C-alpha cells in the first residue's frame, strides 16, 4: 500500500481525532510550565551577566617534598669498612656526638696513630709560632744595627768622595817643602865648609904655613866632613819622606776606590737580614698552616673513636633529625666517599621544595600565599596548611622526573604540624604535598572563553 506523503488539510486532520484529543491539541500550555521556562531564561541571563562581573582565583599547582631549609649534613665514614651495627633510623632525632653506627675498619688504629702524630706536630708548630716574635725582635735588632753601620759608612764615603786626596796632598807638600829646605841648607853649609877648607889648605901650603896652624886646617876639614854628612843625611831623609808620602797617597786612592764597595757590602748584608726575617716569618706561618691541615685531615679518627672491640664509632656531626639512611644491613661495605645518611640541622626550618612548570612561571612572585595539601593527611578531613612562596630560582633546570624545564621554588610553612583533637602530629621530612598558589583573579567569562581561544590558536 502506497503511503501519501503530502500533508492533509487541517479540517481533514481534525476529523481523524476525537473531541478529547482535539481539546488537548488546541489547549494553551499550563501556567507552571510557562513559569519554568521563564525561570530558566532568567537564570541563563543572570549567569551571563554574572560572568562579566564575577571573578575567580587563578591557581598554579605544583608538587613538592618537605625538606630542611638549610643543607642536609651528610654522614661519612672516615675510612672504608664494614657495617657492624646501626643505631639510627629515618626521622630519629640525634644530638651532636651520638654514636650512629659501628664499623669494622682494619686501618682505624693506624689512622688514629697518624692523627696523634699530626697533633704533636701541630703543637710543635704552634709553639714555634708563639716563640717567633722574640726571635723576630732579635733579628730586627741585628738588621737595625747593620742599617746604622751602613748609614755611618755612607756618610764617611760621601766625605771621602768630597775631599778626595786634596787634603792629603796639601799635608804632604808641606812636609816635602820642609825636607827640601833642610837639604838646601845642608848643601849650602857643605859648600861653605868646603870653600873654607880649600882656602885654609891653600894658605897652609904656602911657605911658613901662611900664618895658619895645622890644627885650624884639621878643624876646617872636620867641619867640612860634618857638613857633608849632614847633607847626605838630609838627602836620605828627603828620599824616605818622598817614598812614604807616595805610599800614603797610593793607599788613600785605593781606600777611596774601595770606600763605595764597603757601603754596598753593608747594604747587601742589611737586605739579606731583612729578607731572612720575612723568610723566617713565612716559614713559621706555612709550617703552622700545613700542620693544621694535616691535623684536621687526620683528626677524623682518634683513639677515642675506637671502642674496646676495636670497632670504629661513627658520631653525629651535628644535632638534628635523621633524613635518610643508605645502609641498614650488617656486613654492608661502607666507603669513605659514600654517605651513610643525612642529618637535618636542629635549627633548620622545614620548607616545601617545589618544581614550577615553565608555563606557570609568568605571574608568580615571591610572597604569594600558598595552600598546602599533604598526601599523608587528606585535606578533605584534616584541612590545609597555609604557607608563603619564599623563593623562585632565577633559571630553569631539567626536572628529575620528566626532564622538562622547571623552576625551583621554596614554600615556608605557617606551622609544621597537624592538630587533630588534642594530639599534635608533626610533619616529617620527605612527605609530599601539593602546593596551590593563588596567582591572580580573572573574570568568569574570560575563563569560559579560554578553551575556545586555545582552539582558535
Protein backbone atom coordinates (compact mmCIF):
# COMPACT_ATOMS: atom_id res chain seq x y z
CA UNK A 1 0.00 0.00 0.00
CA UNK A 2 1.40 3.31 -1.06
CA UNK A 3 1.65 6.00 1.63
CA UNK A 4 0.64 9.52 0.77
CA UNK A 5 3.48 11.84 1.82
CA UNK A 6 1.50 15.05 1.23
CA UNK A 7 0.13 16.64 4.46
CA UNK A 8 -3.63 16.68 4.91
CA UNK A 9 -5.57 19.86 5.33
CA UNK A 10 -6.30 20.88 8.93
CA UNK A 11 -10.03 20.12 8.61
CA UNK A 12 -9.38 16.59 7.43
CA UNK A 13 -6.75 16.04 10.14
CA UNK A 14 -9.16 17.12 12.86
CA UNK A 15 -11.74 14.63 11.59
CA UNK A 16 -9.24 11.82 12.36
CA UNK A 17 -9.21 12.69 16.12
CA UNK A 18 -11.74 12.55 18.88
CA UNK A 19 -13.16 15.54 20.67
CA UNK A 20 -10.87 14.99 23.68
CA UNK A 21 -7.76 14.77 21.50
CA UNK A 22 -8.69 17.91 19.67
CA UNK A 23 -9.13 19.66 23.01
CA UNK A 24 -5.68 18.60 24.14
CA UNK A 25 -4.04 19.73 20.90
CA UNK A 26 -5.74 23.09 20.88
CA UNK A 27 -5.34 23.80 24.61
CA UNK A 28 -2.76 26.51 25.83
CA UNK A 29 0.33 25.40 27.96
CA UNK A 30 -0.26 25.21 31.65
CA UNK A 31 0.83 28.11 33.82
CA UNK A 32 3.60 26.19 35.73
CA UNK A 33 5.34 25.14 32.52
CA UNK A 34 5.35 28.71 31.35
CA UNK A 35 6.86 29.84 34.67
CA UNK A 36 9.56 27.18 34.45
CA UNK A 37 10.60 28.32 31.01
CA UNK A 38 10.80 31.95 32.14
CA UNK A 39 12.83 30.93 35.20
CA UNK A 40 15.31 29.06 33.03
CA UNK A 41 15.68 32.03 30.73
CA UNK A 42 16.21 34.32 33.72
CA UNK A 43 18.89 32.04 35.14
CA UNK A 44 20.73 31.96 31.81
CA UNK A 45 20.62 35.75 31.54
CA UNK A 46 21.71 36.19 35.17
CA UNK A 47 24.55 33.72 34.71
CA UNK A 48 25.67 35.53 31.57
CA UNK A 49 25.62 38.86 33.36
CA UNK A 50 27.47 37.42 36.36
CA UNK A 51 30.18 36.01 34.08
CA UNK A 52 31.04 39.58 33.09
CA UNK A 53 31.31 40.94 36.64
CA UNK A 54 32.14 37.83 38.68
CA UNK A 55 35.78 36.83 39.29
CA UNK A 56 37.56 33.60 40.21
CA UNK A 57 41.05 32.81 41.52
CA UNK A 58 43.69 31.58 39.08
CA UNK A 59 45.61 28.85 40.88
CA UNK A 60 49.00 27.35 39.98
CA UNK A 61 49.52 23.85 41.33
CA UNK A 62 52.98 22.41 41.98
CA UNK A 63 54.16 19.22 43.62
CA UNK A 64 56.88 19.24 46.24
CA UNK A 65 58.66 17.46 49.07
CA UNK A 66 59.17 18.64 52.64
CA UNK A 67 62.87 19.28 53.26
CA UNK A 68 65.02 21.31 55.67
CA UNK A 69 65.68 24.89 54.62
CA UNK A 70 69.43 24.54 55.16
CA UNK A 71 71.58 21.91 53.51
CA UNK A 72 71.36 18.39 54.87
CA UNK A 73 74.59 17.44 56.65
CA UNK A 74 75.82 14.22 55.13
CA UNK A 75 77.26 11.48 57.35
CA UNK A 76 80.53 9.95 56.09
CA UNK A 77 82.77 7.23 57.41
CA UNK A 78 86.38 8.45 57.74
CA UNK A 79 87.75 5.25 56.13
CA UNK A 80 86.39 2.22 54.32
CA UNK A 81 84.98 -0.65 56.36
CA UNK A 82 82.07 -2.98 57.01
CA UNK A 83 78.90 -2.02 58.86
CA UNK A 84 78.85 -3.80 62.23
CA UNK A 85 75.94 -2.04 63.96
CA UNK A 86 73.48 0.72 63.00
CA UNK A 87 71.70 2.72 65.71
CA UNK A 88 69.64 5.21 63.67
CA UNK A 89 66.51 5.32 61.53
CA UNK A 90 64.81 7.94 59.37
CA UNK A 91 63.06 10.62 61.42
CA UNK A 92 65.06 9.86 64.56
CA UNK A 93 66.36 12.90 66.47
CA UNK A 94 70.06 12.82 67.37
CA UNK A 95 72.46 15.04 69.29
CA UNK A 96 75.95 16.01 68.30
CA UNK A 97 78.39 13.29 69.33
CA UNK A 98 75.81 10.49 69.49
CA UNK A 99 77.02 7.10 68.21
CA UNK A 100 75.25 6.45 64.92
CA UNK A 101 76.97 3.25 63.82
CA UNK A 102 79.97 0.97 64.34
CA UNK A 103 82.34 -0.07 61.56
CA UNK A 104 84.80 -2.91 61.29
CA UNK A 105 87.68 -0.85 59.84
CA UNK A 106 91.10 -2.52 59.77
CA UNK A 107 93.02 0.70 59.22
CA UNK A 108 91.39 2.61 62.07
CA UNK A 109 94.20 2.09 64.60
CA UNK A 110 96.89 3.12 62.12
CA UNK A 111 94.86 6.18 61.17
CA UNK A 112 94.45 7.08 64.84
CA UNK A 113 98.24 6.83 65.31
CA UNK A 114 98.77 9.15 62.34
CA UNK A 115 96.27 11.56 63.84
CA UNK A 116 98.17 11.57 67.13
CA UNK A 117 101.48 12.29 65.35
CA UNK A 118 99.84 15.06 63.36
CA UNK A 119 98.52 16.58 66.59
CA UNK A 120 102.01 16.54 68.12
CA UNK A 121 103.46 18.25 65.04
CA UNK A 122 100.71 20.83 65.25
CA UNK A 123 101.59 21.55 68.87
CA UNK A 124 105.28 21.99 67.89
CA UNK A 125 104.30 24.36 65.08
CA UNK A 126 102.06 26.36 67.42
CA UNK A 127 104.87 26.61 69.98
CA UNK A 128 107.30 27.84 67.30
CA UNK A 129 104.71 30.35 66.19
CA UNK A 130 104.31 31.70 69.73
CA UNK A 131 108.09 31.95 70.24
CA UNK A 132 108.77 33.53 66.86
CA UNK A 133 108.04 37.14 67.93
CA UNK A 134 111.07 37.05 70.28
CA UNK A 135 113.27 35.59 67.55
CA UNK A 136 111.95 38.16 65.12
CA UNK A 137 112.74 41.01 67.53
CA UNK A 138 116.37 39.81 67.80
CA UNK A 139 116.69 39.59 64.02
CA UNK A 140 115.21 43.07 63.67
CA UNK A 141 117.75 44.48 66.15
CA UNK A 142 120.60 42.96 64.13
CA UNK A 143 119.15 44.42 60.96
CA UNK A 144 118.82 47.83 62.65
CA UNK A 145 122.50 47.69 63.72
CA UNK A 146 123.53 46.90 60.14
CA UNK A 147 121.42 49.78 58.91
CA UNK A 148 123.06 52.21 61.36
CA UNK A 149 126.53 50.98 60.38
CA UNK A 150 125.59 51.35 56.74
CA UNK A 151 124.44 54.94 57.28
CA UNK A 152 127.72 55.85 59.07
CA UNK A 153 129.80 54.27 56.32
CA UNK A 154 127.73 56.04 53.71
CA UNK A 155 128.42 59.44 55.31
CA UNK A 156 132.14 58.64 55.56
CA UNK A 157 132.16 57.64 51.93
CA UNK A 158 130.48 60.88 50.96
CA UNK A 159 133.12 62.83 52.93
CA UNK A 160 135.94 60.87 51.28
CA UNK A 161 134.47 61.47 47.87
CA UNK A 162 134.06 65.20 48.51
CA UNK A 163 137.56 65.64 50.00
CA UNK A 164 139.34 63.23 47.70
CA UNK A 165 143.21 63.41 48.06
CA UNK A 166 143.41 67.20 48.16
CA UNK A 167 143.88 67.47 51.92
CA UNK A 168 146.45 64.67 51.92
CA UNK A 169 148.37 66.29 49.06
CA UNK A 170 148.47 69.61 50.91
CA UNK A 171 149.93 67.99 54.03
CA UNK A 172 152.50 66.04 52.00
CA UNK A 173 153.59 69.20 50.14
CA UNK A 174 154.31 70.98 53.44
CA UNK A 175 156.46 68.05 54.63
CA UNK A 176 158.32 67.91 51.31
CA UNK A 177 158.94 71.66 51.32
CA UNK A 178 160.39 71.44 54.83
CA UNK A 179 162.64 68.49 53.88
CA UNK A 180 163.85 70.25 50.71
CA UNK A 181 164.58 73.39 52.73
CA UNK A 182 166.69 71.35 55.18
CA UNK A 183 168.53 69.75 52.23
CA UNK A 184 169.22 73.13 50.63
CA UNK A 185 170.59 74.48 53.93
CA UNK A 186 172.79 71.37 54.29
CA UNK A 187 174.09 71.82 50.74
CA UNK A 188 174.96 75.47 51.31
CA UNK A 189 176.61 74.60 54.61
CA UNK A 190 178.63 71.84 52.90
CA UNK A 191 179.73 74.17 50.07
CA UNK A 192 180.72 76.86 52.56
CA UNK A 193 182.67 74.31 54.64
CA UNK A 194 184.44 73.01 51.53
CA UNK A 195 185.34 76.51 50.40
CA UNK A 196 186.63 77.35 53.88
CA UNK A 197 188.69 74.13 53.95
CA UNK A 198 190.08 74.82 50.47
CA UNK A 199 191.05 78.36 51.44
CA UNK A 200 192.79 77.23 54.66
CA UNK A 201 194.51 74.39 52.86
CA UNK A 202 195.95 76.77 50.24
CA UNK A 203 197.17 79.20 52.88
CA UNK A 204 198.71 76.40 54.94
CA UNK A 205 200.50 75.13 51.82
CA UNK A 206 202.38 78.41 51.40
CA UNK A 207 205.84 78.81 52.92
CA UNK A 208 205.65 79.38 56.60
CA UNK A 209 202.14 77.99 56.75
CA UNK A 210 200.60 81.21 55.61
CA UNK A 211 200.24 82.16 59.22
CA UNK A 212 197.71 79.33 59.82
CA UNK A 213 198.25 76.47 62.19
CA UNK A 214 197.76 72.90 61.09
CA UNK A 215 195.16 72.49 63.84
CA UNK A 216 192.99 75.09 62.18
CA UNK A 217 193.19 73.23 58.88
CA UNK A 218 192.14 70.00 60.60
CA UNK A 219 189.25 71.77 62.26
CA UNK A 220 188.07 73.06 58.87
CA UNK A 221 188.41 69.56 57.40
CA UNK A 222 186.37 68.13 60.25
CA UNK A 223 183.71 70.80 59.75
CA UNK A 224 183.62 70.01 56.01
CA UNK A 225 183.16 66.29 56.73
CA UNK A 226 180.35 67.02 59.20
CA UNK A 227 178.64 69.30 56.68
CA UNK A 228 178.97 66.62 54.00
CA UNK A 229 177.48 64.00 56.36
CA UNK A 230 174.65 66.36 57.24
CA UNK A 231 173.92 66.84 53.54
CA UNK A 232 173.83 63.08 52.93
CA UNK A 233 171.50 62.64 55.93
CA UNK A 234 169.19 65.36 54.56
CA UNK A 235 169.20 63.64 51.16
CA UNK A 236 168.34 60.29 52.72
CA UNK A 237 165.52 61.79 54.80
CA UNK A 238 164.10 63.50 51.72
CA UNK A 239 164.16 60.22 49.78
CA UNK A 240 162.49 58.36 52.67
CA UNK A 241 159.84 61.06 53.03
CA UNK A 242 159.14 61.03 49.32
CA UNK A 243 158.69 57.22 49.38
CA UNK A 244 156.45 57.32 52.45
CA UNK A 245 154.27 60.10 51.09
CA UNK A 246 153.96 58.31 47.76
CA UNK A 247 152.83 55.13 49.58
CA UNK A 248 150.30 57.10 51.64
CA UNK A 249 148.94 58.71 48.50
CA UNK A 250 148.57 55.33 46.83
CA UNK A 251 146.78 53.92 49.90
CA UNK A 252 144.46 56.94 50.03
CA UNK A 253 143.49 56.44 46.40
CA UNK A 254 142.89 52.71 46.99
CA UNK A 255 140.79 53.45 50.10
CA UNK A 256 138.75 55.96 48.14
CA UNK A 257 138.14 53.40 45.43
CA UNK A 258 137.04 50.69 47.91
CA UNK A 259 135.04 53.02 50.16
CA UNK A 260 131.91 52.68 47.98
CA UNK A 261 132.26 48.89 47.96
CA UNK A 262 132.07 48.79 51.76
CA UNK A 263 128.81 50.71 51.66
CA UNK A 264 127.49 48.31 49.02
CA UNK A 265 128.51 45.29 51.11
CA UNK A 266 126.73 46.67 54.16
CA UNK A 267 123.62 47.35 52.05
CA UNK A 268 123.67 43.73 50.84
CA UNK A 269 124.03 42.47 54.41
CA UNK A 270 121.11 44.62 55.54
CA UNK A 271 118.88 43.47 52.67
CA UNK A 272 119.80 39.87 53.44
CA UNK A 273 118.90 40.38 57.12
CA UNK A 274 115.50 41.86 56.21
CA UNK A 275 114.87 39.02 53.76
CA UNK A 276 115.80 36.47 56.43
CA UNK A 277 113.16 37.98 58.73
CA UNK A 278 110.48 37.71 56.04
CA UNK A 279 111.52 34.18 55.07
CA UNK A 280 111.54 33.02 58.68
CA UNK A 281 108.10 34.54 59.28
CA UNK A 282 106.69 32.89 56.13
CA UNK A 283 108.27 29.57 57.08
CA UNK A 284 106.69 29.60 60.55
CA UNK A 285 103.31 30.59 59.10
CA UNK A 286 103.38 27.91 56.39
CA UNK A 287 104.51 25.25 58.85
CA UNK A 288 101.59 26.13 61.12
CA UNK A 289 99.10 26.09 58.24
CA UNK A 290 100.42 22.78 56.93
CA UNK A 291 100.36 21.22 60.40
CA UNK A 292 96.77 22.37 60.89
CA UNK A 293 95.66 20.95 57.54
CA UNK A 294 97.35 17.62 58.19
CA UNK A 295 95.95 17.51 61.72
CA UNK A 296 92.43 18.31 60.54
CA UNK A 297 92.64 15.68 57.81
CA UNK A 298 93.95 13.06 60.22
CA UNK A 299 91.70 14.07 63.13
CA UNK A 300 88.73 12.29 61.59
CA UNK A 301 89.89 9.23 63.50
CA UNK A 302 91.17 9.30 67.05
CA UNK A 303 91.73 6.62 69.62
CA UNK A 304 88.63 7.96 71.40
CA UNK A 305 86.59 6.89 68.32
CA UNK A 306 87.67 3.25 68.68
CA UNK A 307 85.78 1.16 71.23
CA UNK A 308 87.04 -1.75 73.30
CA UNK A 309 86.14 -4.20 70.49
CA UNK A 310 88.34 -2.22 68.05
CA UNK A 311 85.26 -1.06 66.14
CA UNK A 312 85.26 2.44 64.70
CA UNK A 313 82.45 4.62 66.07
CA UNK A 314 80.61 6.93 63.66
CA UNK A 315 79.44 10.01 65.57
CA UNK A 316 76.78 12.57 64.72
CA UNK A 317 78.49 15.74 63.40
CA UNK A 318 75.55 17.98 64.38
CA UNK A 319 72.32 17.83 66.31
CA UNK A 320 69.19 17.32 64.25
CA UNK A 321 66.90 14.76 62.67
CA UNK A 322 67.95 11.81 60.50
CA UNK A 323 66.57 12.39 57.00
CA UNK A 324 67.76 9.23 55.27
CA UNK A 325 69.86 6.11 55.82
CA UNK A 326 71.61 4.42 52.89
CA UNK A 327 72.90 1.23 54.54
CA UNK A 328 70.99 -0.82 57.08
CA UNK A 329 72.33 -4.38 56.92
CA UNK A 330 75.27 -5.71 58.90
CA UNK A 331 78.22 -6.52 56.69
CA UNK A 332 77.40 -3.82 54.14
CA UNK A 333 80.52 -2.38 52.55
CA UNK A 334 80.92 1.25 53.61
CA UNK A 335 83.11 3.56 51.54
CA UNK A 336 84.61 6.79 52.81
CA UNK A 337 83.31 8.76 49.81
CA UNK A 338 79.73 7.47 50.08
CA UNK A 339 77.38 8.94 52.72
CA UNK A 340 75.80 6.72 55.35
CA UNK A 341 72.86 9.10 55.58
CA UNK A 342 71.90 12.68 56.28
CA UNK A 343 71.03 14.91 59.23
CA UNK A 344 68.81 17.94 59.01
CA UNK A 345 70.25 20.51 61.45
CA UNK A 346 68.24 21.01 64.61
CA UNK A 347 67.56 24.69 63.99
CA UNK A 348 66.61 24.21 60.31
CA UNK A 349 63.10 25.27 59.28
CA UNK A 350 61.08 22.77 57.24
CA UNK A 351 60.17 24.09 53.79
CA UNK A 352 58.35 22.55 50.85
CA UNK A 353 60.65 22.39 47.83
CA UNK A 354 58.51 22.51 44.70
CA UNK A 355 59.02 22.35 40.94
CA UNK A 356 57.17 25.04 38.97
CA UNK A 357 56.38 24.33 35.33
CA UNK A 358 57.77 26.84 32.87
CA UNK A 359 54.31 27.83 31.56
CA UNK A 360 53.16 28.62 35.14
CA UNK A 361 56.05 30.98 35.96
CA UNK A 362 54.77 34.20 34.34
CA UNK A 363 52.68 35.71 37.16
CA UNK A 364 54.40 34.09 40.13
CA UNK A 365 56.46 36.16 42.52
CA UNK A 366 57.86 35.75 46.00
CA UNK A 367 55.45 36.49 48.83
CA UNK A 368 52.33 34.93 47.30
CA UNK A 369 50.10 32.92 49.69
CA UNK A 370 50.10 29.14 49.28
CA UNK A 371 47.74 26.40 50.41
CA UNK A 372 49.37 23.01 51.05
CA UNK A 373 47.71 19.62 50.76
CA UNK A 374 49.87 16.89 52.27
CA UNK A 375 49.24 13.43 50.87
CA UNK A 376 49.70 11.87 54.31
CA UNK A 377 46.83 13.99 55.69
CA UNK A 378 43.81 14.08 53.31
CA UNK A 379 42.72 17.72 53.15
CA UNK A 380 39.01 16.82 52.98
CA UNK A 381 39.32 15.54 56.53
CA UNK A 382 42.30 17.34 58.10
CA UNK A 383 42.29 20.61 56.20
CA UNK A 384 45.08 22.63 54.60
CA UNK A 385 48.28 24.23 55.88
CA UNK A 386 48.99 27.80 54.86
CA UNK A 387 52.36 28.96 53.62
CA UNK A 388 54.20 31.62 51.63
CA UNK A 389 56.15 31.36 48.39
CA UNK A 390 59.59 32.40 49.69
CA UNK A 391 61.91 31.72 46.76
CA UNK A 392 61.89 31.13 42.99
CA UNK A 393 65.08 30.15 41.19
CA UNK A 394 66.29 32.65 38.55
CA UNK A 395 66.73 29.97 35.87
CA UNK A 396 65.23 26.64 34.89
CA UNK A 397 66.74 23.22 35.23
CA UNK A 398 65.62 19.79 33.98
CA UNK A 399 63.03 18.12 36.18
CA UNK A 400 64.17 15.00 38.00
CA UNK A 401 61.09 13.13 36.75
CA UNK A 402 60.42 14.01 33.10
CA UNK A 403 63.47 16.22 32.31
CA UNK A 404 61.19 19.12 31.37
CA UNK A 405 62.44 22.62 32.26
CA UNK A 406 61.17 23.71 35.67
CA UNK A 407 61.87 26.44 38.20
CA UNK A 408 62.80 25.50 41.74
CA UNK A 409 60.72 27.07 44.48
CA UNK A 410 60.54 27.04 48.27
CA UNK A 411 57.42 27.47 50.37
CA UNK A 412 57.68 28.34 54.05
CA UNK A 413 55.03 26.87 56.35
CA UNK A 414 52.97 28.78 58.89
CA UNK A 415 53.07 25.62 61.03
CA UNK A 416 54.80 22.27 60.70
CA UNK A 417 52.18 20.03 62.26
CA UNK A 418 48.55 18.97 62.13
CA UNK A 419 46.44 19.42 65.24
CA UNK A 420 43.96 16.54 65.49
CA UNK A 421 41.86 16.67 68.63
CA UNK A 422 44.35 17.05 71.48
CA UNK A 423 47.23 15.42 69.59
CA UNK A 424 49.81 17.25 67.51
CA UNK A 425 51.22 15.28 64.56
CA UNK A 426 54.44 16.81 63.20
CA UNK A 427 55.23 16.90 59.51
CA UNK A 428 58.26 14.81 58.64
CA UNK A 429 60.96 15.37 56.07
CA UNK A 430 60.26 13.53 52.84
CA UNK A 431 56.47 13.98 52.95
CA UNK A 432 55.00 15.03 49.61
CA UNK A 433 52.40 17.74 49.16
CA UNK A 434 50.54 19.69 46.52
CA UNK A 435 51.03 23.46 46.66
CA UNK A 436 48.21 25.66 45.36
CA UNK A 437 49.36 29.22 44.69
CA UNK A 438 46.75 31.94 44.11
CA UNK A 439 48.28 33.96 41.29
CA UNK A 440 45.51 36.46 40.38
CA UNK A 441 41.79 36.88 39.75
CA UNK A 442 40.10 36.69 36.32
CA UNK A 443 36.57 37.27 35.05
CA UNK A 444 34.43 34.16 34.71
CA UNK A 445 33.69 34.97 31.06
CA UNK A 446 37.43 35.01 30.31
CA UNK A 447 37.89 31.63 31.95
CA UNK A 448 34.97 30.27 29.92
CA UNK A 449 36.37 31.61 26.66
CA UNK A 450 39.92 30.27 27.23
CA UNK A 451 39.19 26.83 25.68
CA UNK A 452 37.80 28.48 22.56
CA UNK A 453 40.82 30.81 22.36
CA UNK A 454 43.17 27.85 22.61
CA UNK A 455 41.32 26.06 19.81
CA UNK A 456 41.42 29.22 17.71
CA UNK A 457 45.17 29.42 18.25
